[in-house]
C-alpha atoms as a PDB file:
ATOM      1  CA  UNK A   1       6.290 -19.214 -19.563  1.00  0.00           C
ATOM      2  CA  UNK A   2       6.614 -19.785 -23.324  1.00  0.00           C
ATOM      3  CA  UNK A   3       2.835 -19.454 -23.779  1.00  0.00           C
ATOM      4  CA  UNK A   4       2.876 -16.121 -21.933  1.00  0.00           C
ATOM      5  CA  UNK A   5       5.677 -14.853 -24.177  1.00  0.00           C
ATOM      6  CA  UNK A   6       3.766 -15.926 -27.282  1.00  0.00           C
ATOM      7  CA  UNK A   7       0.608 -14.158 -26.109  1.00  0.00           C
ATOM      8  CA  UNK A   8       2.605 -11.019 -25.300  1.00  0.00           C
ATOM      9  CA  UNK A   9       4.271 -11.046 -28.740  1.00  0.00           C
ATOM     10  CA  UNK A  10       0.882 -11.501 -30.387  1.00  0.00           C
ATOM     11  CA  UNK A  11      -0.494  -8.498 -28.494  1.00  0.00           C
ATOM     12  CA  UNK A  12       2.474  -6.356 -29.546  1.00  0.00           C
ATOM     13  CA  UNK A  13       2.006  -7.399 -33.177  1.00  0.00           C
ATOM     14  CA  UNK A  14      -1.722  -6.649 -33.033  1.00  0.00           C
ATOM     15  CA  UNK A  15      -1.022  -3.190 -31.600  1.00  0.00           C
ATOM     16  CA  UNK A  16       1.541  -2.416 -34.297  1.00  0.00           C
ATOM     17  CA  UNK A  17      -0.767  -3.567 -37.062  1.00  0.00           C
ATOM     18  CA  UNK A  18      -3.647  -1.602 -35.553  1.00  0.00           C
ATOM     19  CA  UNK A  19      -1.556   1.554 -35.699  1.00  0.00           C
ATOM     20  CA  UNK A  20      -0.779   1.195 -39.385  1.00  0.00           C
ATOM     21  CA  UNK A  21      -3.442  -0.820 -41.199  1.00  0.00           C
ATOM     22  CA  UNK A  22      -7.246  -0.778 -41.531  1.00  0.00           C
ATOM     23  CA  UNK A  23      -9.115  -3.531 -39.645  1.00  0.00           C
ATOM     24  CA  UNK A  24     -10.176  -5.449 -42.811  1.00  0.00           C
ATOM     25  CA  UNK A  25      -6.533  -5.769 -43.854  1.00  0.00           C
ATOM     26  CA  UNK A  26      -5.524  -6.987 -40.393  1.00  0.00           C
ATOM     27  CA  UNK A  27      -8.267  -9.637 -40.583  1.00  0.00           C
ATOM     28  CA  UNK A  28      -6.929 -10.811 -43.965  1.00  0.00           C
ATOM     29  CA  UNK A  29      -3.412 -11.026 -42.571  1.00  0.00           C
ATOM     30  CA  UNK A  30      -4.555 -13.059 -39.585  1.00  0.00           C
ATOM     31  CA  UNK A  31      -6.370 -15.458 -41.911  1.00  0.00           C
ATOM     32  CA  UNK A  32      -3.200 -15.922 -43.991  1.00  0.00           C
ATOM     33  CA  UNK A  33      -4.827 -14.623 -47.140  1.00  0.00           C
ATOM     34  CA  UNK A  34      -2.034 -14.105 -49.678  1.00  0.00           C
ATOM     35  CA  UNK A  35      -1.919 -11.260 -52.140  1.00  0.00           C
ATOM     36  CA  UNK A  36      -3.500  -8.484 -50.152  1.00  0.00           C
ATOM     37  CA  UNK A  37      -4.884  -6.254 -52.864  1.00  0.00           C
ATOM     38  CA  UNK A  38      -7.934  -4.272 -51.803  1.00  0.00           C
ATOM     39  CA  UNK A  39      -9.504  -0.877 -52.144  1.00  0.00           C
ATOM     40  CA  UNK A  40      -6.681   0.341 -49.897  1.00  0.00           C
ATOM     41  CA  UNK A  41      -4.018  -0.739 -52.373  1.00  0.00           C
ATOM     42  CA  UNK A  42      -1.304  -3.346 -52.094  1.00  0.00           C
ATOM     43  CA  UNK A  43       0.379  -4.100 -48.808  1.00  0.00           C
ATOM     44  CA  UNK A  44       4.114  -4.701 -49.029  1.00  0.00           C
ATOM     45  CA  UNK A  45       6.057  -6.054 -46.091  1.00  0.00           C
ATOM     46  CA  UNK A  46       9.781  -5.546 -46.372  1.00  0.00           C
ATOM     47  CA  UNK A  47      12.680  -6.117 -44.043  1.00  0.00           C
ATOM     48  CA  UNK A  48      15.717  -3.920 -44.499  1.00  0.00           C
ATOM     49  CA  UNK A  49      18.810  -5.575 -43.054  1.00  0.00           C
ATOM     50  CA  UNK A  50      20.322  -3.527 -40.209  1.00  0.00           C
ATOM     51  CA  UNK A  51      17.682  -0.825 -40.638  1.00  0.00           C
ATOM     52  CA  UNK A  52      17.598   0.111 -36.959  1.00  0.00           C
ATOM     53  CA  UNK A  53      21.358   0.583 -36.792  1.00  0.00           C
ATOM     54  CA  UNK A  54      21.442   2.449 -40.105  1.00  0.00           C
ATOM     55  CA  UNK A  55      18.553   4.741 -39.143  1.00  0.00           C
ATOM     56  CA  UNK A  56      20.563   5.928 -36.151  1.00  0.00           C
ATOM     57  CA  UNK A  57      23.433   7.048 -38.355  1.00  0.00           C
ATOM     58  CA  UNK A  58      21.616   9.346 -40.812  1.00  0.00           C
ATOM     59  CA  UNK A  59      19.338  12.340 -40.502  1.00  0.00           C
ATOM     60  CA  UNK A  60      15.570  11.930 -40.638  1.00  0.00           C
ATOM     61  CA  UNK A  61      15.518  13.623 -44.050  1.00  0.00           C
ATOM     62  CA  UNK A  62      18.151  11.256 -45.452  1.00  0.00           C
ATOM     63  CA  UNK A  63      16.243   8.271 -44.091  1.00  0.00           C
ATOM     64  CA  UNK A  64      12.954   9.390 -45.620  1.00  0.00           C
ATOM     65  CA  UNK A  65      14.671  10.088 -48.947  1.00  0.00           C
ATOM     66  CA  UNK A  66      16.209   6.604 -48.931  1.00  0.00           C
ATOM     67  CA  UNK A  67      12.895   4.933 -48.103  1.00  0.00           C
ATOM     68  CA  UNK A  68      11.147   6.990 -50.768  1.00  0.00           C
ATOM     69  CA  UNK A  69      13.742   5.873 -53.303  1.00  0.00           C
ATOM     70  CA  UNK A  70      13.407   2.231 -52.279  1.00  0.00           C
ATOM     71  CA  UNK A  71       9.620   2.227 -52.500  1.00  0.00           C
ATOM     72  CA  UNK A  72       9.693   4.110 -55.790  1.00  0.00           C
ATOM     73  CA  UNK A  73      11.854   1.264 -57.143  1.00  0.00           C
ATOM     74  CA  UNK A  74       9.412  -1.304 -55.739  1.00  0.00           C
ATOM     75  CA  UNK A  75       6.538   0.577 -57.424  1.00  0.00           C
ATOM     76  CA  UNK A  76       8.299   0.619 -60.778  1.00  0.00           C
ATOM     77  CA  UNK A  77       8.961  -3.121 -60.553  1.00  0.00           C
ATOM     78  CA  UNK A  78       5.336  -3.818 -59.678  1.00  0.00           C
END
């Protein structure tokens, strides 16, 4: 059963990545290549604590404004 769950989780991850990233980037991720900097730009993975709960408490506009602010700060630090 554990193997089936792992395969299912892998398929879900692949589908999510396929919806958001170009195939060459996905291949780099799967090969554990650090520092993904390509012609597409830099890929940043971030986890916002309690994001799902928070996103249900604000309007879509407020959420986008917050994310824009956060990523603008990340850009300025980079």
